[in-house]
Amino acid sequence: MEPLFTHLVVGVVPLPTQNPPFAFDKEALQSVYLEVSRAVPYTQFAFLPADQGAQLLNPPEDRVLLQPGLLQVGTPVDSTAERAREKASTVLVKSAEILDLTGFLQMGIKVLANVPAPEDGAREFVGNRLMKGISTHLDVLGGGFFGGGVKFRKFDGDANEEEILLIEPLVSDDHFIWVNYDRQQVGQTIGLDHLSDSIDEAFNFVRGPAMRILEEA
């Protein structure tokens, strides 16, 4: 099985220097828009209310959020995973440089993908093959219920990292299985030096272990 990547979301939480954090300078935010758009064009720029930052947009789903408590890039994967990775890395690194942010408290990477389901459909595959033994529970619940999916979690205390993998039928189209992989890292010394590598690792996790679960079901 091969994943069809649909979205990438990458966010970082700046280390606070005071509570509440300083509002970003508006000229600096405009500079981010100008500099970022040279490499990654965005059609719209807007300040957020109450000095909460700004956002860059390519409507409807391509968005950059610049707030004192969060820098986040959410982008459709229009062509390849590598291009989406390069886009997110470029935007976040340039934004952090212009806004003079050198350290981050938390980093999150979310990869979304659709996987073509077997001929019997995504609900049948997830409910009766991936979730073996669930049919008895469905009989108890009554008509209309189906196996909604599985959730896997991993906590790594040494690395201050959590991973969550969700696999569900795509409700809007039973021809596809929906995969959501979310990786969160928390620490006082997170930098952006290895951001591209971390994004690649997230895509490769979906390509590798997540697909093996489906293939072996």
C-alpha atoms as a PDB file:
ATOM      1  CA  MET A   1       0.000   0.000   0.000  1.00  0.00           C
ATOM      2  CA  GLU A   2       1.158   3.502  -0.818  1.00  0.00           C
ATOM      3  CA  PRO A   3       0.119   6.656   1.080  1.00  0.00           C
ATOM      4  CA  LEU A   4      -1.222   9.637  -0.825  1.00  0.00           C
ATOM      5  CA  PHE A   5       0.004  12.497   1.348  1.00  0.00           C
ATOM      6  CA  THR A   6      -2.549  15.283   1.685  1.00  0.00           C
ATOM      7  CA  HIS A   7      -1.363  17.714   4.388  1.00  0.00           C
ATOM      8  CA  LEU A   8       1.671  18.662   6.440  1.00  0.00           C
ATOM      9  CA  VAL A   9       1.452  20.769   9.611  1.00  0.00           C
ATOM     10  CA  VAL A  10       4.592  21.878  11.465  1.00  0.00           C
ATOM     11  CA  GLY A  11       4.568  24.078  14.549  1.00  0.00           C
ATOM     12  CA  VAL A  12       7.128  25.357  17.046  1.00  0.00           C
ATOM     13  CA  VAL A  13       6.573  27.106  20.371  1.00  0.00           C
ATOM     14  CA  PRO A  14       9.165  29.847  21.079  1.00  0.00           C
ATOM     15  CA  LEU A  15      10.897  29.936  24.438  1.00  0.00           C
ATOM     16  CA  PRO A  16       9.122  32.706  26.386  1.00  0.00           C
ATOM     17  CA  THR A  17      11.225  35.561  27.707  1.00  0.00           C
ATOM     18  CA  GLN A  18       8.353  36.922  29.793  1.00  0.00           C
ATOM     19  CA  ASN A  19       4.781  36.045  30.696  1.00  0.00           C
ATOM     20  CA  PRO A  20       2.761  36.936  28.720  1.00  0.00           C
ATOM     21  CA  PRO A  21       5.176  36.925  25.751  1.00  0.00           C
ATOM     22  CA  PHE A  22       6.116  40.137  23.953  1.00  0.00           C
ATOM     23  CA  ALA A  23       3.983  40.987  20.939  1.00  0.00           C
ATOM     24  CA  PHE A  24       5.875  40.745  17.658  1.00  0.00           C
ATOM     25  CA  ASP A  25       6.889  44.020  16.022  1.00  0.00           C
ATOM     26  CA  LYS A  26       4.546  44.728  13.105  1.00  0.00           C
ATOM     27  CA  GLU A  27       7.365  45.825  10.808  1.00  0.00           C
ATOM     28  CA  ALA A  28       9.166  42.558  11.550  1.00  0.00           C
ATOM     29  CA  LEU A  29       6.027  40.592  10.685  1.00  0.00           C
ATOM     30  CA  GLN A  30       5.724  42.474   7.391  1.00  0.00           C
ATOM     31  CA  SER A  31       9.389  41.686   6.713  1.00  0.00           C
ATOM     32  CA  VAL A  32       8.639  37.997   7.252  1.00  0.00           C
ATOM     33  CA  TYR A  33       5.893  38.192   4.644  1.00  0.00           C
ATOM     34  CA  LEU A  34       8.147  39.929   2.124  1.00  0.00           C
ATOM     35  CA  GLU A  35      11.135  37.625   2.657  1.00  0.00           C
ATOM     36  CA  VAL A  36       9.186  34.374   2.848  1.00  0.00           C
ATOM     37  CA  SER A  37       7.132  35.219  -0.238  1.00  0.00           C
ATOM     38  CA  ARG A  38      10.287  35.477  -2.318  1.00  0.00           C
ATOM     39  CA  ALA A  39      10.856  31.758  -1.767  1.00  0.00           C
ATOM     40  CA  VAL A  40       7.296  30.602  -1.058  1.00  0.00           C
ATOM     41  CA  PRO A  41       4.663  32.946  -2.539  1.00  0.00           C
ATOM     42  CA  TYR A  42       1.674  33.799  -0.350  1.00  0.00           C
ATOM     43  CA  THR A  43      -1.162  35.877  -1.749  1.00  0.00           C
ATOM     44  CA  GLN A  44      -2.514  37.351   1.498  1.00  0.00           C
ATOM     45  CA  PHE A  45      -1.092  38.878   4.677  1.00  0.00           C
ATOM     46  CA  ALA A  46      -3.109  40.020   7.686  1.00  0.00           C
ATOM     47  CA  PHE A  47      -2.429  41.126  11.237  1.00  0.00           C
ATOM     48  CA  LEU A  48      -4.311  39.206  13.925  1.00  0.00           C
ATOM     49  CA  PRO A  49      -6.509  41.129  16.416  1.00  0.00           C
ATOM     50  CA  ALA A  50      -5.127  42.440  19.710  1.00  0.00           C
ATOM     51  CA  ASP A  51      -1.451  42.313  18.654  1.00  0.00           C
ATOM     52  CA  GLN A  52      -1.579  38.510  18.519  1.00  0.00           C
ATOM     53  CA  GLY A  53       0.662  38.313  15.464  1.00  0.00           C
ATOM     54  CA  ALA A  54      -0.085  37.788  11.789  1.00  0.00           C
ATOM     55  CA  GLN A  55      -0.955  35.168   9.208  1.00  0.00           C
ATOM     56  CA  LEU A  56       0.111  34.449   5.636  1.00  0.00           C
ATOM     57  CA  LEU A  57      -2.451  32.785   3.393  1.00  0.00           C
ATOM     58  CA  ASN A  58      -3.026  31.012   0.134  1.00  0.00           C
ATOM     59  CA  PRO A  59      -6.733  30.266   0.661  1.00  0.00           C
ATOM     60  CA  PRO A  60      -8.323  28.023   1.542  1.00  0.00           C
ATOM     61  CA  GLU A  61      -5.886  25.654   3.314  1.00  0.00           C
ATOM     62  CA  ASP A  62      -2.337  26.963   2.885  1.00  0.00           C
ATOM     63  CA  ARG A  63      -1.574  29.022   5.998  1.00  0.00           C
ATOM     64  CA  VAL A  64       1.278  30.363   8.118  1.00  0.00           C
ATOM     65  CA  LEU A  65       0.504  31.495  11.666  1.00  0.00           C
ATOM     66  CA  LEU A  66       2.976  33.838  13.390  1.00  0.00           C
ATOM     67  CA  GLN A  67       2.165  34.333  17.071  1.00  0.00           C
ATOM     68  CA  PRO A  68       4.385  34.935  20.116  1.00  0.00           C
ATOM     69  CA  GLY A  69       3.286  31.534  21.440  1.00  0.00           C
ATOM     70  CA  LEU A  70       3.298  29.591  18.166  1.00  0.00           C
ATOM     71  CA  LEU A  71       4.834  29.595  14.683  1.00  0.00           C
ATOM     72  CA  GLN A  72       2.940  27.144  12.496  1.00  0.00           C
ATOM     73  CA  VAL A  73       2.886  26.149   8.836  1.00  0.00           C
ATOM     74  CA  GLY A  74      -0.043  24.172   7.456  1.00  0.00           C
ATOM     75  CA  THR A  75       0.225  23.227   3.810  1.00  0.00           C
ATOM     76  CA  PRO A  76      -1.441  20.825   1.389  1.00  0.00           C
ATOM     77  CA  VAL A  77       0.974  18.318  -0.130  1.00  0.00           C
ATOM     78  CA  ASP A  78       0.270  19.343  -3.710  1.00  0.00           C
ATOM     79  CA  SER A  79       3.140  17.518  -5.387  1.00  0.00           C
ATOM     80  CA  THR A  80       5.728  15.629  -3.309  1.00  0.00           C
ATOM     81  CA  ALA A  81       6.446  15.174   0.380  1.00  0.00           C
ATOM     82  CA  GLU A  82       9.926  16.580  -0.206  1.00  0.00           C
ATOM     83  CA  ARG A  83       8.546  19.837  -1.611  1.00  0.00           C
ATOM     84  CA  ALA A  84       6.164  20.202   1.325  1.00  0.00           C
ATOM     85  CA  ARG A  85       9.059  19.572   3.720  1.00  0.00           C
ATOM     86  CA  GLU A  86      11.215  22.176   1.989  1.00  0.00           C
ATOM     87  CA  LYS A  87       8.389  24.703   2.082  1.00  0.00           C
ATOM     88  CA  ALA A  88       7.670  24.259   5.799  1.00  0.00           C
ATOM     89  CA  SER A  89      11.365  24.341   6.705  1.00  0.00           C
ATOM     90  CA  THR A  90      12.022  27.470   4.646  1.00  0.00           C
ATOM     91  CA  VAL A  91       9.077  29.366   6.118  1.00  0.00           C
ATOM     92  CA  LEU A  92       9.858  28.507   9.735  1.00  0.00           C
ATOM     93  CA  VAL A  93      13.617  29.088   9.522  1.00  0.00           C
ATOM     94  CA  LYS A  94      13.213  32.461   7.767  1.00  0.00           C
ATOM     95  CA  SER A  95      10.453  33.532  10.159  1.00  0.00           C
ATOM     96  CA  ALA A  96      12.501  32.623  13.240  1.00  0.00           C
ATOM     97  CA  GLU A  97      15.526  34.471  11.886  1.00  0.00           C
ATOM     98  CA  ILE A  98      13.642  37.703  11.146  1.00  0.00           C
ATOM     99  CA  LEU A  99      11.714  37.587  14.438  1.00  0.00           C
ATOM    100  CA  ASP A 100      14.971  36.911  16.327  1.00  0.00           C
ATOM    101  CA  LEU A 101      13.802  33.602  17.830  1.00  0.00           C
ATOM    102  CA  THR A 102      16.704  31.316  18.694  1.00  0.00           C
ATOM    103  CA  GLY A 103      15.189  28.629  20.890  1.00  0.00           C
ATOM    104  CA  PHE A 104      11.948  26.690  21.092  1.00  0.00           C
ATOM    105  CA  LEU A 105      10.129  24.896  23.868  1.00  0.00           C
ATOM    106  CA  GLN A 106       8.093  22.495  21.732  1.00  0.00           C
ATOM    107  CA  MET A 107       7.965  21.159  18.182  1.00  0.00           C
ATOM    108  CA  GLY A 108       5.091  19.327  16.530  1.00  0.00           C
ATOM    109  CA  ILE A 109       4.868  17.616  13.137  1.00  0.00           C
ATOM    110  CA  LYS A 110       1.630  16.205  11.718  1.00  0.00           C
ATOM    111  CA  VAL A 111       1.422  14.221   8.476  1.00  0.00           C
ATOM    112  CA  LEU A 112      -1.963  13.345   6.930  1.00  0.00           C
ATOM    113  CA  ALA A 113      -2.432  10.804   4.169  1.00  0.00           C
ATOM    114  CA  ASN A 114      -5.123   8.862   2.354  1.00  0.00           C
ATOM    115  CA  VAL A 115      -4.445   5.248   1.432  1.00  0.00           C
ATOM    116  CA  PRO A 116      -6.483   3.486  -1.291  1.00  0.00           C
ATOM    117  CA  ALA A 117      -8.616   0.817   0.386  1.00  0.00           C
ATOM    118  CA  PRO A 118      -9.106  -2.747  -0.875  1.00  0.00           C
ATOM    119  CA  GLU A 119     -12.160  -3.489  -3.022  1.00  0.00           C
ATOM    120  CA  ASP A 120     -14.401  -4.227  -0.027  1.00  0.00           C
ATOM    121  CA  GLY A 121     -13.981  -0.624   1.166  1.00  0.00           C
ATOM    122  CA  ALA A 122     -12.286   1.253   3.989  1.00  0.00           C
ATOM    123  CA  ARG A 123     -14.938   0.572   6.650  1.00  0.00           C
ATOM    124  CA  GLU A 124     -14.869  -3.151   5.964  1.00  0.00           C
ATOM    125  CA  PHE A 125     -11.073  -3.239   5.935  1.00  0.00           C
ATOM    126  CA  VAL A 126     -10.613  -1.237   9.137  1.00  0.00           C
ATOM    127  CA  GLY A 127     -13.499  -2.821  11.031  1.00  0.00           C
ATOM    128  CA  ASN A 128     -12.996  -6.492  10.134  1.00  0.00           C
ATOM    129  CA  ARG A 129      -9.330  -6.809   9.220  1.00  0.00           C
ATOM    130  CA  LEU A 130      -7.405  -4.099  11.044  1.00  0.00           C
ATOM    131  CA  MET A 131      -9.666  -4.357  14.113  1.00  0.00           C
ATOM    132  CA  LYS A 132     -10.049  -8.142  14.209  1.00  0.00           C
ATOM    133  CA  GLY A 133     -12.645  -9.407  16.667  1.00  0.00           C
ATOM    134  CA  ILE A 134     -14.701  -6.217  16.773  1.00  0.00           C
ATOM    135  CA  SER A 135     -17.765  -7.780  15.104  1.00  0.00           C
ATOM    136  CA  THR A 136     -19.074  -9.070  18.451  1.00  0.00           C
ATOM    137  CA  HIS A 137     -19.002  -5.549  19.895  1.00  0.00           C
ATOM    138  CA  LEU A 138     -20.780  -4.164  16.828  1.00  0.00           C
ATOM    139  CA  ASP A 139     -23.562  -6.738  17.272  1.00  0.00           C
ATOM    140  CA  VAL A 140     -24.051  -5.523  20.844  1.00  0.00           C
ATOM    141  CA  LEU A 141     -24.108  -1.858  19.833  1.00  0.00           C
ATOM    142  CA  GLY A 142     -26.687  -2.390  17.116  1.00  0.00           C
ATOM    143  CA  GLY A 143     -27.151  -1.382  13.494  1.00  0.00           C
ATOM    144  CA  GLY A 144     -25.252   1.501  11.966  1.00  0.00           C
ATOM    145  CA  PHE A 145     -22.092   1.234  14.077  1.00  0.00           C
ATOM    146  CA  PHE A 146     -18.790   0.404  12.407  1.00  0.00           C
ATOM    147  CA  GLY A 147     -15.176   0.091  13.521  1.00  0.00           C
ATOM    148  CA  GLY A 148     -14.056   3.710  13.635  1.00  0.00           C
ATOM    149  CA  GLY A 149     -10.339   3.012  13.611  1.00  0.00           C
ATOM    150  CA  VAL A 150      -7.315   2.367  15.777  1.00  0.00           C
ATOM    151  CA  LYS A 151      -5.021   4.624  17.778  1.00  0.00           C
ATOM    152  CA  PHE A 152      -1.411   3.897  18.700  1.00  0.00           C
ATOM    153  CA  ARG A 153       0.624   5.980  21.168  1.00  0.00           C
ATOM    154  CA  LYS A 154       4.261   6.091  22.193  1.00  0.00           C
ATOM    155  CA  PHE A 155       5.879   8.025  25.032  1.00  0.00           C
ATOM    156  CA  ASP A 156       9.650   8.452  25.135  1.00  0.00           C
ATOM    157  CA  GLY A 157      10.571  10.074  28.427  1.00  0.00           C
ATOM    158  CA  ASP A 158      14.289  10.250  27.643  1.00  0.00           C
ATOM    159  CA  ALA A 159      13.681  12.171  24.422  1.00  0.00           C
ATOM    160  CA  ASN A 160      10.664  14.104  25.793  1.00  0.00           C
ATOM    161  CA  GLU A 161       8.723  12.908  22.770  1.00  0.00           C
ATOM    162  CA  GLU A 162       5.223  11.595  22.092  1.00  0.00           C
ATOM    163  CA  GLU A 163       3.935   9.961  18.905  1.00  0.00           C
ATOM    164  CA  ILE A 164       0.325   9.237  17.958  1.00  0.00           C
ATOM    165  CA  LEU A 165      -0.844   7.262  14.923  1.00  0.00           C
ATOM    166  CA  LEU A 166      -4.522   7.199  13.939  1.00  0.00           C
ATOM    167  CA  ILE A 167      -5.891   4.917  11.214  1.00  0.00           C
ATOM    168  CA  GLU A 168      -9.563   5.277  10.290  1.00  0.00           C
ATOM    169  CA  PRO A 169     -11.916   4.893   7.335  1.00  0.00           C
ATOM    170  CA  LEU A 170     -12.186   8.174   5.460  1.00  0.00           C
ATOM    171  CA  VAL A 171     -15.777   9.070   6.324  1.00  0.00           C
ATOM    172  CA  SER A 172     -16.339  11.148   3.192  1.00  0.00           C
ATOM    173  CA  ASP A 173     -15.063   8.453   0.797  1.00  0.00           C
ATOM    174  CA  ASP A 174     -15.055   4.740   1.626  1.00  0.00           C
ATOM    175  CA  HIS A 175     -12.475   4.129  -1.094  1.00  0.00           C
ATOM    176  CA  PHE A 176      -9.749   5.524   1.190  1.00  0.00           C
ATOM    177  CA  ILE A 177      -8.217   4.841   4.591  1.00  0.00           C
ATOM    178  CA  TRP A 178      -7.254   7.977   6.546  1.00  0.00           C
ATOM    179  CA  VAL A 179      -3.870   8.070   8.303  1.00  0.00           C
ATOM    180  CA  ASN A 180      -2.882  10.765  10.802  1.00  0.00           C
ATOM    181  CA  TYR A 181       0.614  10.703  12.322  1.00  0.00           C
ATOM    182  CA  ASP A 182       1.461  13.289  14.996  1.00  0.00           C
ATOM    183  CA  ARG A 183       4.870  13.684  16.627  1.00  0.00           C
ATOM    184  CA  GLN A 184       5.437  16.119  19.509  1.00  0.00           C
ATOM    185  CA  GLN A 185       8.771  16.966  21.117  1.00  0.00           C
ATOM    186  CA  VAL A 186       9.149  19.069  24.256  1.00  0.00           C
ATOM    187  CA  GLY A 187      12.420  20.448  25.592  1.00  0.00           C
ATOM    188  CA  GLN A 188      14.319  23.585  26.550  1.00  0.00           C
ATOM    189  CA  THR A 189      16.933  23.329  23.784  1.00  0.00           C
ATOM    190  CA  ILE A 190      14.959  22.609  20.618  1.00  0.00           C
ATOM    191  CA  GLY A 191      16.413  24.323  17.550  1.00  0.00           C
ATOM    192  CA  LEU A 192      15.575  24.306  13.853  1.00  0.00           C
ATOM    193  CA  ASP A 193      18.910  22.884  12.650  1.00  0.00           C
ATOM    194  CA  HIS A 194      17.416  19.425  12.096  1.00  0.00           C
ATOM    195  CA  LEU A 195      13.869  20.459  11.210  1.00  0.00           C
ATOM    196  CA  SER A 196      14.052  19.085   7.655  1.00  0.00           C
ATOM    197  CA  ASP A 197      15.338  15.749   8.935  1.00  0.00           C
ATOM    198  CA  SER A 198      12.538  15.554  11.504  1.00  0.00           C
ATOM    199  CA  ILE A 199       9.902  16.192   8.822  1.00  0.00           C
ATOM    200  CA  ASP A 200      11.450  13.517   6.595  1.00  0.00           C
ATOM    201  CA  GLU A 201      11.331  11.077   9.516  1.00  0.00           C
ATOM    202  CA  ALA A 202       7.611  11.740   9.936  1.00  0.00           C
ATOM    203  CA  PHE A 203       6.884  11.104   6.253  1.00  0.00           C
ATOM    204  CA  ASN A 204       9.049   7.965   6.321  1.00  0.00           C
ATOM    205  CA  PHE A 205       7.197   6.654   9.377  1.00  0.00           C
ATOM    206  CA  VAL A 206       3.945   6.818   7.423  1.00  0.00           C
ATOM    207  CA  ARG A 207       5.583   5.251   4.356  1.00  0.00           C
ATOM    208  CA  GLY A 208       7.156   2.481   6.453  1.00  0.00           C
ATOM    209  CA  PRO A 209       5.698   1.200   9.748  1.00  0.00           C
ATOM    210  CA  ALA A 210       2.195   2.656   9.222  1.00  0.00           C
ATOM    211  CA  MET A 211       1.874   1.019   5.788  1.00  0.00           C
ATOM    212  CA  ARG A 212       3.188  -2.317   7.102  1.00  0.00           C
ATOM    213  CA  ILE A 213       0.333  -2.383   9.626  1.00  0.00           C
ATOM    214  CA  LEU A 214      -2.161  -2.079   6.770  1.00  0.00           C
ATOM    215  CA  GLU A 215      -0.373  -4.566   4.521  1.00  0.00           C
ATOM    216  CA  GLU A 216      -0.247  -7.190   7.271  1.00  0.00           C
ATOM    217  CA  ALA A 217      -3.886  -6.812   8.331  1.00  0.00           C
END
